[in-house]
Amino acid sequence: MNKDDKSYWVAKGREDENKFCIDVAPLYGLKVWINPEKKGDVYANDLKFLKENAVQDGDLKCINTPFFLADRYGVPAYHCATLNHIDYIRYMAKFWFSNMYIFFWVNWPESVGYGRHIHPKKGLYASSIKYIDKLITSRKTGFIEYKNRKQTKDFKNATCSHLIDLRHLHEFTLAHAPQSSSSSDSESARVGHATLPSLQNSYF
């Protein structure tokens, strides 16, 4: 895998989005589909979904590897999700007068790297971009500038990211037991009902 290969990441993104909509979101009681605007706009947000019977905009962040060095930037690695700064700016500009929501689908195995051992983590978290903006502007997130990120004419790699503590976000619980009989393949050991707090009183 070449981290600077744009075609790889485009294909991987489509695969992850389809899997999320078809296999993952229903487990949490969520009705989610691919944003049809993506067919004509590569910068369109990934998803549409129903919240309180209204169609909302969403974007998907798949986290399959922990950020081992997150502790250096003030966020525990086990609870860390990253959000590219360029995405944050783009979301805020596009949805300044409305809103959109970011789903963080976490699914990493037991991992070892940079002298750290990180336990496996699976789950689904979400927040409105407006709430994430509050976290960032109130300095409740970390920030990292990447070194040696390759830039090409066709692929502008993110040069910096915000580090978000997932414990600040809404965590979903399963609404339906997964089809797999193996507990190790399930999204979570918890089986409950996905609750969506009202936007006025919460981050989601």
N, C-alpha and C. Protein backbone atom coordinates (compact mmCIF):
# COMPACT_ATOMS: atom_id res chain seq x y z
N MET A 1 0.84 -1.20 0.00
CA MET A 1 0.00 0.00 0.00
C MET A 1 0.87 1.25 0.00
N ASN A 2 0.61 2.12 -0.94
CA ASN A 2 1.31 3.41 -1.01
C ASN A 2 0.40 4.47 -0.42
N LYS A 3 0.80 5.07 0.70
CA LYS A 3 -0.03 6.05 1.39
C LYS A 3 -0.28 7.30 0.56
N ASP A 4 0.53 7.51 -0.48
CA ASP A 4 0.37 8.68 -1.33
C ASP A 4 -0.36 8.36 -2.63
N ASP A 5 -0.91 7.15 -2.75
CA ASP A 5 -1.62 6.73 -3.95
C ASP A 5 -3.09 7.14 -3.84
N LYS A 6 -3.47 8.18 -4.57
CA LYS A 6 -4.83 8.70 -4.47
C LYS A 6 -5.87 7.66 -4.87
N SER A 7 -5.60 6.90 -5.94
CA SER A 7 -6.57 5.93 -6.43
C SER A 7 -6.88 4.87 -5.37
N TYR A 8 -5.85 4.50 -4.60
CA TYR A 8 -6.07 3.52 -3.53
C TYR A 8 -7.06 4.06 -2.50
N TRP A 9 -6.85 5.29 -2.06
CA TRP A 9 -7.68 5.87 -1.00
C TRP A 9 -9.10 6.14 -1.48
N VAL A 10 -9.26 6.49 -2.76
CA VAL A 10 -10.60 6.69 -3.30
C VAL A 10 -11.37 5.37 -3.30
N ALA A 11 -10.73 4.30 -3.76
CA ALA A 11 -11.37 2.99 -3.80
C ALA A 11 -11.65 2.48 -2.39
N LYS A 12 -10.69 2.68 -1.50
CA LYS A 12 -10.86 2.23 -0.11
C LYS A 12 -12.00 2.99 0.56
N GLY A 13 -12.11 4.28 0.28
CA GLY A 13 -13.17 5.08 0.85
C GLY A 13 -14.54 4.61 0.42
N ARG A 14 -14.69 4.30 -0.86
CA ARG A 14 -15.97 3.82 -1.38
C ARG A 14 -16.34 2.49 -0.74
N GLU A 15 -15.36 1.62 -0.61
CA GLU A 15 -15.60 0.31 0.00
C GLU A 15 -16.06 0.47 1.46
N ASP A 16 -15.38 1.33 2.21
CA ASP A 16 -15.73 1.56 3.61
C ASP A 16 -17.12 2.17 3.75
N GLU A 17 -17.44 3.12 2.88
CA GLU A 17 -18.75 3.77 2.94
C GLU A 17 -19.88 2.79 2.67
N ASN A 18 -19.70 1.93 1.67
CA ASN A 18 -20.72 0.94 1.35
C ASN A 18 -20.91 -0.04 2.49
N LYS A 19 -19.82 -0.50 3.05
CA LYS A 19 -19.89 -1.45 4.17
C LYS A 19 -20.58 -0.80 5.37
N PHE A 20 -20.25 0.45 5.63
CA PHE A 20 -20.84 1.14 6.76
C PHE A 20 -22.35 1.26 6.59
N CYS A 21 -22.79 1.69 5.41
CA CYS A 21 -24.22 1.88 5.17
C CYS A 21 -25.00 0.57 5.21
N ILE A 22 -24.43 -0.48 4.63
CA ILE A 22 -25.15 -1.75 4.48
C ILE A 22 -25.04 -2.63 5.72
N ASP A 23 -23.83 -2.75 6.27
CA ASP A 23 -23.59 -3.74 7.32
C ASP A 23 -23.49 -3.17 8.74
N VAL A 24 -22.99 -1.95 8.87
CA VAL A 24 -22.68 -1.43 10.21
C VAL A 24 -23.78 -0.55 10.77
N ALA A 25 -24.17 0.48 10.04
CA ALA A 25 -25.16 1.44 10.55
C ALA A 25 -26.45 0.76 11.03
N PRO A 26 -26.99 -0.23 10.30
CA PRO A 26 -28.23 -0.88 10.77
C PRO A 26 -28.09 -1.53 12.14
N LEU A 27 -26.89 -1.99 12.49
CA LEU A 27 -26.68 -2.60 13.80
C LEU A 27 -26.94 -1.61 14.93
N TYR A 28 -26.77 -0.33 14.62
CA TYR A 28 -26.97 0.71 15.62
C TYR A 28 -28.32 1.42 15.46
N GLY A 29 -29.19 0.84 14.66
CA GLY A 29 -30.51 1.42 14.47
C GLY A 29 -30.51 2.66 13.60
N LEU A 30 -29.51 2.81 12.75
CA LEU A 30 -29.37 4.00 11.93
C LEU A 30 -29.71 3.72 10.48
N LYS A 31 -30.44 4.63 9.86
CA LYS A 31 -30.73 4.54 8.43
C LYS A 31 -29.80 5.52 7.72
N VAL A 32 -28.81 4.99 7.01
CA VAL A 32 -27.77 5.79 6.38
C VAL A 32 -27.59 5.35 4.94
N TRP A 33 -27.36 6.31 4.05
CA TRP A 33 -27.10 5.96 2.65
C TRP A 33 -26.05 6.91 2.07
N ILE A 34 -25.46 6.49 0.94
CA ILE A 34 -24.44 7.29 0.28
C ILE A 34 -25.06 8.57 -0.26
N ASN A 35 -24.41 9.68 -0.04
CA ASN A 35 -24.88 10.97 -0.54
C ASN A 35 -24.85 10.95 -2.08
N PRO A 36 -25.99 11.06 -2.75
CA PRO A 36 -26.01 11.02 -4.22
C PRO A 36 -25.23 12.16 -4.87
N GLU A 37 -24.97 13.24 -4.13
CA GLU A 37 -24.21 14.36 -4.68
C GLU A 37 -22.76 13.99 -4.97
N LYS A 38 -22.28 12.87 -4.38
CA LYS A 38 -20.89 12.47 -4.59
C LYS A 38 -20.61 12.06 -6.03
N LYS A 39 -21.68 11.70 -6.76
CA LYS A 39 -21.48 11.29 -8.16
C LYS A 39 -20.94 12.43 -9.01
N GLY A 40 -21.31 13.65 -8.69
CA GLY A 40 -20.86 14.79 -9.49
C GLY A 40 -19.94 15.75 -8.78
N ASP A 41 -19.67 15.48 -7.49
CA ASP A 41 -18.84 16.39 -6.70
C ASP A 41 -17.94 15.58 -5.79
N VAL A 42 -16.66 15.52 -6.10
CA VAL A 42 -15.72 14.71 -5.32
C VAL A 42 -15.55 15.25 -3.91
N TYR A 43 -15.93 16.50 -3.68
CA TYR A 43 -15.77 17.10 -2.37
C TYR A 43 -17.07 17.06 -1.54
N ALA A 44 -18.11 16.44 -2.08
CA ALA A 44 -19.36 16.33 -1.34
C ALA A 44 -19.17 15.42 -0.13
N ASN A 45 -19.93 15.69 0.93
CA ASN A 45 -19.84 14.82 2.11
C ASN A 45 -20.34 13.42 1.77
N ASP A 46 -19.89 12.44 2.55
CA ASP A 46 -20.10 11.04 2.20
C ASP A 46 -21.53 10.56 2.30
N LEU A 47 -22.26 11.01 3.32
CA LEU A 47 -23.48 10.33 3.71
C LEU A 47 -24.70 11.25 3.83
N LYS A 48 -25.86 10.61 3.77
CA LYS A 48 -27.12 11.18 4.21
C LYS A 48 -27.69 10.19 5.24
N PHE A 49 -28.40 10.71 6.24
CA PHE A 49 -28.98 9.81 7.23
C PHE A 49 -30.21 10.47 7.86
N LEU A 50 -31.02 9.63 8.50
CA LEU A 50 -32.22 10.12 9.16
C LEU A 50 -31.94 10.36 10.64
N LYS A 51 -32.29 11.54 11.10
CA LYS A 51 -32.21 11.88 12.52
C LYS A 51 -33.50 12.59 12.89
N GLU A 52 -34.25 12.00 13.82
CA GLU A 52 -35.53 12.58 14.23
C GLU A 52 -36.42 12.83 13.01
N ASN A 53 -36.43 11.83 12.09
CA ASN A 53 -37.27 11.84 10.88
C ASN A 53 -36.92 12.93 9.88
N ALA A 54 -35.75 13.52 10.02
CA ALA A 54 -35.29 14.53 9.06
C ALA A 54 -33.99 14.06 8.42
N VAL A 55 -33.82 14.33 7.13
CA VAL A 55 -32.60 13.94 6.43
C VAL A 55 -31.47 14.91 6.79
N GLN A 56 -30.34 14.34 7.20
CA GLN A 56 -29.19 15.14 7.61
C GLN A 56 -27.96 14.77 6.79
N ASP A 57 -27.00 15.67 6.75
CA ASP A 57 -25.72 15.40 6.08
C ASP A 57 -24.74 14.78 7.06
N GLY A 58 -23.95 13.84 6.56
CA GLY A 58 -22.95 13.20 7.41
C GLY A 58 -21.67 12.90 6.64
N ASP A 59 -20.62 12.63 7.37
CA ASP A 59 -19.37 12.21 6.77
C ASP A 59 -18.81 11.06 7.60
N LEU A 60 -18.04 10.19 6.98
CA LEU A 60 -17.55 9.00 7.65
C LEU A 60 -16.04 9.03 7.78
N LYS A 61 -15.56 8.75 8.99
CA LYS A 61 -14.14 8.58 9.26
C LYS A 61 -13.93 7.17 9.80
N CYS A 62 -13.21 6.35 9.04
CA CYS A 62 -12.90 4.98 9.46
C CYS A 62 -11.54 4.96 10.15
N ILE A 63 -11.50 4.41 11.33
CA ILE A 63 -10.26 4.38 12.10
C ILE A 63 -9.89 2.93 12.36
N ASN A 64 -8.94 2.41 11.59
CA ASN A 64 -8.54 1.01 11.68
C ASN A 64 -7.20 0.81 12.36
N THR A 65 -6.55 1.92 12.69
CA THR A 65 -5.25 1.88 13.36
C THR A 65 -5.20 2.97 14.42
N PRO A 66 -4.77 2.66 15.63
CA PRO A 66 -4.67 3.72 16.64
C PRO A 66 -3.53 4.68 16.33
N PHE A 67 -3.65 5.90 16.81
CA PHE A 67 -2.56 6.86 16.68
C PHE A 67 -1.69 6.69 17.93
N PHE A 68 -0.63 5.92 17.77
CA PHE A 68 0.18 5.48 18.90
C PHE A 68 0.75 6.63 19.73
N LEU A 69 1.06 7.75 19.08
CA LEU A 69 1.75 8.84 19.76
C LEU A 69 0.80 9.94 20.25
N ALA A 70 -0.49 9.63 20.27
CA ALA A 70 -1.48 10.66 20.64
C ALA A 70 -1.24 11.23 22.03
N ASP A 71 -0.75 10.41 22.95
CA ASP A 71 -0.53 10.89 24.33
C ASP A 71 0.41 12.09 24.37
N ARG A 72 1.32 12.15 23.43
CA ARG A 72 2.26 13.28 23.40
C ARG A 72 1.55 14.60 23.14
N TYR A 73 0.35 14.51 22.56
CA TYR A 73 -0.38 15.71 22.17
C TYR A 73 -1.64 15.92 23.03
N GLY A 74 -1.68 15.22 24.16
CA GLY A 74 -2.73 15.48 25.14
C GLY A 74 -3.98 14.64 25.06
N VAL A 75 -4.00 13.62 24.17
CA VAL A 75 -5.17 12.75 24.04
C VAL A 75 -4.71 11.30 24.19
N PRO A 76 -5.32 10.52 25.08
CA PRO A 76 -4.93 9.10 25.21
C PRO A 76 -5.10 8.35 23.90
N ALA A 77 -4.11 7.58 23.53
CA ALA A 77 -4.13 6.88 22.24
C ALA A 77 -5.36 5.99 22.09
N TYR A 78 -5.79 5.35 23.16
CA TYR A 78 -6.92 4.43 23.09
C TYR A 78 -8.22 5.16 22.78
N HIS A 79 -8.29 6.44 23.09
CA HIS A 79 -9.52 7.21 22.90
C HIS A 79 -9.40 8.25 21.78
N CYS A 80 -8.38 8.13 20.95
CA CYS A 80 -8.08 9.20 19.99
C CYS A 80 -8.62 8.94 18.59
N ALA A 81 -9.23 9.96 18.01
CA ALA A 81 -9.59 9.99 16.59
C ALA A 81 -8.98 11.25 15.99
N THR A 82 -8.60 11.18 14.72
CA THR A 82 -8.01 12.35 14.09
C THR A 82 -8.96 12.92 13.03
N LEU A 83 -8.90 14.22 12.88
CA LEU A 83 -9.69 14.93 11.87
C LEU A 83 -8.75 15.89 11.15
N ASN A 84 -8.57 15.68 9.84
CA ASN A 84 -7.69 16.55 9.08
C ASN A 84 -8.15 18.00 9.17
N HIS A 85 -7.20 18.90 9.36
CA HIS A 85 -7.55 20.32 9.49
C HIS A 85 -8.24 20.83 8.23
N ILE A 86 -7.80 20.37 7.06
CA ILE A 86 -8.40 20.84 5.81
C ILE A 86 -9.86 20.41 5.72
N ASP A 87 -10.19 19.21 6.25
CA ASP A 87 -11.58 18.77 6.27
C ASP A 87 -12.40 19.63 7.23
N TYR A 88 -11.84 19.92 8.38
CA TYR A 88 -12.50 20.76 9.38
C TYR A 88 -12.87 22.12 8.79
N ILE A 89 -11.93 22.75 8.09
CA ILE A 89 -12.17 24.05 7.49
C ILE A 89 -13.24 23.95 6.40
N ARG A 90 -13.15 22.90 5.60
CA ARG A 90 -14.11 22.72 4.50
C ARG A 90 -15.52 22.49 5.05
N TYR A 91 -15.65 21.67 6.09
CA TYR A 91 -16.95 21.41 6.68
C TYR A 91 -17.55 22.70 7.27
N MET A 92 -16.74 23.45 7.99
CA MET A 92 -17.25 24.66 8.63
C MET A 92 -17.69 25.69 7.60
N ALA A 93 -16.94 25.78 6.50
CA ALA A 93 -17.29 26.74 5.45
C ALA A 93 -18.59 26.35 4.75
N LYS A 94 -18.74 25.06 4.45
CA LYS A 94 -19.90 24.60 3.69
C LYS A 94 -21.16 24.57 4.56
N PHE A 95 -21.01 24.23 5.83
CA PHE A 95 -22.18 24.04 6.68
C PHE A 95 -22.28 25.11 7.77
N TRP A 96 -21.77 26.29 7.47
CA TRP A 96 -21.79 27.39 8.44
C TRP A 96 -23.21 27.75 8.84
N PHE A 97 -24.14 27.73 7.86
CA PHE A 97 -25.52 28.14 8.14
C PHE A 97 -26.45 26.94 8.30
N SER A 98 -25.90 25.74 8.32
CA SER A 98 -26.71 24.54 8.56
C SER A 98 -25.97 23.66 9.55
N ASN A 99 -25.85 22.39 9.27
CA ASN A 99 -25.06 21.52 10.13
C ASN A 99 -24.77 20.22 9.39
N MET A 100 -23.80 19.51 9.87
CA MET A 100 -23.52 18.16 9.39
C MET A 100 -22.89 17.40 10.54
N TYR A 101 -22.84 16.10 10.37
CA TYR A 101 -22.40 15.23 11.46
C TYR A 101 -21.29 14.31 10.97
N ILE A 102 -20.33 14.07 11.84
CA ILE A 102 -19.22 13.19 11.50
C ILE A 102 -19.35 11.90 12.30
N PHE A 103 -19.33 10.78 11.59
CA PHE A 103 -19.34 9.46 12.21
C PHE A 103 -17.90 8.93 12.26
N PHE A 104 -17.47 8.51 13.43
CA PHE A 104 -16.16 7.90 13.61
C PHE A 104 -16.38 6.41 13.87
N TRP A 105 -16.11 5.61 12.84
CA TRP A 105 -16.27 4.16 12.95
C TRP A 105 -14.91 3.58 13.33
N VAL A 106 -14.80 3.13 14.57
CA VAL A 106 -13.53 2.64 15.11
C VAL A 106 -13.52 1.12 15.08
N ASN A 107 -12.46 0.56 14.53
CA ASN A 107 -12.36 -0.89 14.45
C ASN A 107 -10.90 -1.30 14.28
N TRP A 108 -10.16 -1.26 15.38
CA TRP A 108 -8.77 -1.69 15.27
C TRP A 108 -8.50 -2.89 16.17
N PRO A 109 -7.58 -3.77 15.75
CA PRO A 109 -7.22 -4.95 16.54
C PRO A 109 -6.20 -4.57 17.61
N GLU A 110 -5.81 -5.53 18.41
CA GLU A 110 -4.72 -5.31 19.36
C GLU A 110 -3.50 -4.86 18.57
N SER A 111 -2.91 -3.76 18.97
CA SER A 111 -1.89 -3.13 18.14
C SER A 111 -0.65 -2.78 18.95
N VAL A 112 0.49 -2.93 18.30
CA VAL A 112 1.77 -2.59 18.92
C VAL A 112 2.56 -1.71 17.96
N GLY A 113 3.09 -0.61 18.45
CA GLY A 113 3.89 0.28 17.63
C GLY A 113 4.47 1.41 18.44
N TYR A 114 5.63 1.87 18.04
CA TYR A 114 6.31 2.98 18.70
C TYR A 114 6.47 2.73 20.20
N GLY A 115 6.70 1.45 20.53
CA GLY A 115 6.90 1.10 21.93
C GLY A 115 5.61 1.09 22.74
N ARG A 116 4.46 1.15 22.10
CA ARG A 116 3.18 1.18 22.78
C ARG A 116 2.37 -0.06 22.47
N HIS A 117 1.61 -0.51 23.43
CA HIS A 117 0.65 -1.60 23.24
C HIS A 117 -0.74 -1.04 23.46
N ILE A 118 -1.58 -1.11 22.41
CA ILE A 118 -2.93 -0.55 22.47
C ILE A 118 -3.94 -1.70 22.36
N HIS A 119 -4.86 -1.75 23.29
CA HIS A 119 -5.88 -2.80 23.28
C HIS A 119 -6.84 -2.61 22.10
N PRO A 120 -7.49 -3.69 21.67
CA PRO A 120 -8.43 -3.58 20.55
C PRO A 120 -9.60 -2.68 20.92
N LYS A 121 -10.17 -2.03 19.92
CA LYS A 121 -11.29 -1.12 20.16
C LYS A 121 -12.25 -1.18 18.99
N LYS A 122 -13.53 -1.31 19.28
CA LYS A 122 -14.57 -1.31 18.27
C LYS A 122 -15.72 -0.44 18.77
N GLY A 123 -16.28 0.36 17.87
CA GLY A 123 -17.43 1.17 18.27
C GLY A 123 -17.76 2.22 17.25
N LEU A 124 -18.85 2.92 17.49
CA LEU A 124 -19.30 3.99 16.61
C LEU A 124 -19.59 5.23 17.43
N TYR A 125 -19.01 6.34 17.01
CA TYR A 125 -19.15 7.63 17.70
C TYR A 125 -19.58 8.67 16.67
N ALA A 126 -20.19 9.75 17.14
CA ALA A 126 -20.60 10.80 16.22
C ALA A 126 -20.72 12.13 16.94
N SER A 127 -20.63 13.19 16.15
CA SER A 127 -20.80 14.53 16.67
C SER A 127 -21.15 15.47 15.52
N SER A 128 -21.85 16.54 15.85
CA SER A 128 -22.05 17.59 14.86
C SER A 128 -20.73 18.33 14.66
N ILE A 129 -20.52 18.88 13.49
CA ILE A 129 -19.30 19.64 13.24
C ILE A 129 -19.26 20.89 14.11
N LYS A 130 -20.43 21.41 14.47
CA LYS A 130 -20.47 22.60 15.32
C LYS A 130 -19.94 22.28 16.72
N TYR A 131 -20.25 21.09 17.22
CA TYR A 131 -19.74 20.71 18.53
C TYR A 131 -18.24 20.46 18.47
N ILE A 132 -17.79 19.82 17.41
CA ILE A 132 -16.34 19.61 17.25
C ILE A 132 -15.62 20.94 17.17
N ASP A 133 -16.24 21.91 16.50
CA ASP A 133 -15.66 23.25 16.44
C ASP A 133 -15.52 23.83 17.85
N LYS A 134 -16.51 23.61 18.70
CA LYS A 134 -16.42 24.09 20.08
C LYS A 134 -15.27 23.42 20.83
N LEU A 135 -15.10 22.12 20.60
CA LEU A 135 -13.99 21.41 21.24
C LEU A 135 -12.65 21.99 20.80
N ILE A 136 -12.53 22.25 19.50
CA ILE A 136 -11.27 22.77 18.95
C ILE A 136 -10.99 24.18 19.45
N THR A 137 -12.00 25.04 19.39
CA THR A 137 -11.78 26.44 19.76
C THR A 137 -11.65 26.63 21.27
N SER A 138 -12.11 25.65 22.05
CA SER A 138 -11.94 25.73 23.50
C SER A 138 -10.71 24.94 23.97
N ARG A 139 -9.91 24.50 23.00
CA ARG A 139 -8.64 23.82 23.27
C ARG A 139 -8.81 22.52 24.03
N LYS A 140 -9.84 21.77 23.68
CA LYS A 140 -10.06 20.46 24.28
C LYS A 140 -9.63 19.35 23.34
N THR A 141 -8.90 19.71 22.30
CA THR A 141 -8.37 18.73 21.35
C THR A 141 -6.85 18.90 21.24
N GLY A 142 -6.20 17.89 20.68
CA GLY A 142 -4.79 18.01 20.39
C GLY A 142 -4.58 18.46 18.95
N PHE A 143 -3.35 18.71 18.57
CA PHE A 143 -3.05 19.16 17.21
C PHE A 143 -1.67 18.66 16.82
N ILE A 144 -1.56 18.14 15.60
CA ILE A 144 -0.27 17.63 15.12
C ILE A 144 -0.02 18.10 13.71
N GLU A 145 1.23 18.48 13.44
CA GLU A 145 1.69 18.78 12.08
C GLU A 145 2.54 17.61 11.62
N TYR A 146 2.16 17.00 10.51
CA TYR A 146 2.87 15.84 10.01
C TYR A 146 4.15 16.26 9.29
N LYS A 147 5.19 15.51 9.50
CA LYS A 147 6.45 15.75 8.82
C LYS A 147 6.58 14.79 7.64
N ASN A 148 7.20 15.28 6.57
CA ASN A 148 7.52 14.45 5.41
C ASN A 148 6.28 13.91 4.69
N ARG A 149 5.14 14.61 4.80
CA ARG A 149 3.98 14.20 4.03
C ARG A 149 4.18 14.59 2.57
N LYS A 150 4.07 13.62 1.67
CA LYS A 150 4.31 13.85 0.25
C LYS A 150 3.15 14.59 -0.38
N GLN A 151 3.44 15.63 -1.14
CA GLN A 151 2.43 16.39 -1.86
C GLN A 151 2.67 16.22 -3.36
N THR A 152 1.60 15.95 -4.10
CA THR A 152 1.70 15.85 -5.55
C THR A 152 0.67 16.76 -6.18
N LYS A 153 0.74 16.90 -7.49
CA LYS A 153 -0.20 17.76 -8.21
C LYS A 153 -1.63 17.24 -8.07
N ASP A 154 -1.79 15.90 -8.04
CA ASP A 154 -3.11 15.30 -8.02
C ASP A 154 -3.59 14.91 -6.62
N PHE A 155 -2.69 14.87 -5.66
CA PHE A 155 -3.07 14.39 -4.33
C PHE A 155 -2.43 15.26 -3.27
N LYS A 156 -3.25 16.11 -2.64
CA LYS A 156 -2.77 16.98 -1.59
C LYS A 156 -2.97 16.30 -0.25
N ASN A 157 -1.91 15.74 0.29
CA ASN A 157 -1.97 15.02 1.54
C ASN A 157 -2.17 15.99 2.69
N ALA A 158 -2.93 15.59 3.68
CA ALA A 158 -3.16 16.44 4.84
C ALA A 158 -1.84 16.68 5.57
N THR A 159 -1.57 17.92 5.92
CA THR A 159 -0.32 18.26 6.60
C THR A 159 -0.49 18.42 8.11
N CYS A 160 -1.74 18.48 8.58
CA CYS A 160 -1.97 18.61 10.02
C CYS A 160 -3.37 18.11 10.36
N SER A 161 -3.53 17.69 11.60
CA SER A 161 -4.80 17.14 12.05
C SER A 161 -5.10 17.54 13.49
N HIS A 162 -6.39 17.55 13.80
CA HIS A 162 -6.86 17.73 15.16
C HIS A 162 -7.04 16.35 15.80
N LEU A 163 -6.65 16.22 17.05
CA LEU A 163 -6.79 14.97 17.78
C LEU A 163 -7.97 15.10 18.72
N ILE A 164 -8.96 14.27 18.50
CA ILE A 164 -10.23 14.36 19.23
C ILE A 164 -10.36 13.20 20.20
N ASP A 165 -10.70 13.50 21.43
CA ASP A 165 -10.95 12.47 22.44
C ASP A 165 -12.37 11.96 22.22
N LEU A 166 -12.49 10.69 21.85
CA LEU A 166 -13.79 10.11 21.54
C LEU A 166 -14.75 10.16 22.71
N ARG A 167 -14.24 10.28 23.91
CA ARG A 167 -15.10 10.33 25.09
C ARG A 167 -15.92 11.61 25.14
N HIS A 168 -15.55 12.61 24.34
CA HIS A 168 -16.34 13.84 24.25
C HIS A 168 -17.55 13.68 23.34
N LEU A 169 -17.56 12.61 22.52
CA LEU A 169 -18.57 12.46 21.48
C LEU A 169 -19.69 11.51 21.92
N HIS A 170 -20.74 11.48 21.11
CA HIS A 170 -21.83 10.55 21.36
C HIS A 170 -21.39 9.15 20.96
N GLU A 171 -21.53 8.18 21.87
CA GLU A 171 -21.19 6.79 21.57
C GLU A 171 -22.48 5.99 21.41
N PHE A 172 -22.62 5.33 20.28
CA PHE A 172 -23.81 4.53 20.02
C PHE A 172 -23.70 3.16 20.67
N THR A 173 -24.86 2.60 21.01
CA THR A 173 -24.92 1.21 21.43
C THR A 173 -25.69 0.43 20.38
N LEU A 174 -25.47 -0.86 20.35
CA LEU A 174 -26.08 -1.68 19.32
C LEU A 174 -27.59 -1.77 19.50
N ALA A 175 -28.31 -1.64 18.41
CA ALA A 175 -29.76 -1.83 18.43
C ALA A 175 -30.13 -3.24 18.05
N HIS A 176 -29.24 -3.92 17.31
CA HIS A 176 -29.50 -5.28 16.85
C HIS A 176 -28.23 -6.10 17.02
N ALA A 177 -28.39 -7.36 17.40
CA ALA A 177 -27.24 -8.24 17.50
C ALA A 177 -26.70 -8.51 16.10
N PRO A 178 -25.38 -8.52 15.91
CA PRO A 178 -24.81 -8.81 14.59
C PRO A 178 -25.09 -10.23 14.15
N GLN A 179 -25.06 -10.47 12.83
CA GLN A 179 -25.37 -11.78 12.28
C GLN A 179 -24.33 -12.82 12.65
N SER A 180 -23.07 -12.41 12.79
CA SER A 180 -21.99 -13.35 13.06
C SER A 180 -22.19 -14.01 14.40
N SER A 181 -21.89 -15.29 14.47
CA SER A 181 -22.02 -16.02 15.73
C SER A 181 -20.80 -15.84 16.61
N SER A 182 -19.75 -15.30 16.06
CA SER A 182 -18.52 -15.09 16.81
C SER A 182 -18.55 -13.73 17.49
N SER A 183 -18.41 -13.73 18.82
CA SER A 183 -18.45 -12.47 19.56
C SER A 183 -17.28 -11.58 19.21
N SER A 184 -16.16 -12.17 18.78
CA SER A 184 -14.99 -11.37 18.45
C SER A 184 -15.19 -10.57 17.18
N ASP A 185 -16.19 -10.97 16.36
CA ASP A 185 -16.44 -10.26 15.11
C ASP A 185 -17.51 -9.19 15.28
N SER A 186 -18.13 -9.10 16.44
CA SER A 186 -19.19 -8.13 16.64
C SER A 186 -18.63 -6.75 16.84
N GLU A 187 -19.46 -5.74 16.55
CA GLU A 187 -19.03 -4.36 16.73
C GLU A 187 -18.83 -4.02 18.19
N SER A 188 -19.56 -4.71 19.08
CA SER A 188 -19.47 -4.43 20.50
C SER A 188 -20.13 -5.55 21.26
N ALA A 189 -19.76 -5.71 22.53
CA ALA A 189 -20.39 -6.73 23.35
C ALA A 189 -21.74 -6.24 23.88
N ARG A 190 -22.00 -4.95 23.77
CA ARG A 190 -23.22 -4.37 24.31
C ARG A 190 -24.34 -4.46 23.29
N VAL A 191 -25.54 -4.81 23.73
CA VAL A 191 -26.70 -4.82 22.87
C VAL A 191 -27.76 -3.95 23.53
N GLY A 192 -28.14 -2.86 22.88
CA GLY A 192 -29.11 -1.95 23.45
C GLY A 192 -29.89 -1.28 22.34
N HIS A 193 -30.25 -0.04 22.54
CA HIS A 193 -30.98 0.71 21.51
C HIS A 193 -30.24 2.01 21.23
N ALA A 194 -30.08 2.31 19.97
CA ALA A 194 -29.38 3.53 19.59
C ALA A 194 -30.24 4.74 19.91
N THR A 195 -29.79 5.58 20.82
CA THR A 195 -30.53 6.77 21.19
C THR A 195 -29.86 7.99 20.59
N LEU A 196 -30.66 8.91 20.09
CA LEU A 196 -30.15 10.12 19.46
C LEU A 196 -30.60 11.32 20.27
N PRO A 197 -29.73 11.90 21.11
CA PRO A 197 -30.12 13.06 21.90
C PRO A 197 -30.50 14.23 20.99
N SER A 198 -31.36 15.10 21.48
CA SER A 198 -31.77 16.25 20.69
C SER A 198 -30.60 17.19 20.49
N LEU A 199 -30.55 17.83 19.34
CA LEU A 199 -29.43 18.72 19.01
C LEU A 199 -29.33 19.88 19.97
N GLN A 200 -30.47 20.33 20.50
CA GLN A 200 -30.45 21.50 21.38
C GLN A 200 -29.72 21.20 22.68
N ASN A 201 -29.74 19.95 23.13
CA ASN A 201 -29.19 19.61 24.44
C ASN A 201 -27.92 18.79 24.37
N SER A 202 -27.44 18.50 23.18
CA SER A 202 -26.30 17.60 23.10
C SER A 202 -25.47 17.90 21.86
N TYR A 203 -24.43 17.08 21.72
CA TYR A 203 -23.50 17.23 20.61
C TYR A 203 -23.95 16.49 19.38
N PHE A 204 -24.98 15.64 19.52
CA PHE A 204 -25.48 14.88 18.37
C PHE A 204 -26.99 14.95 18.32
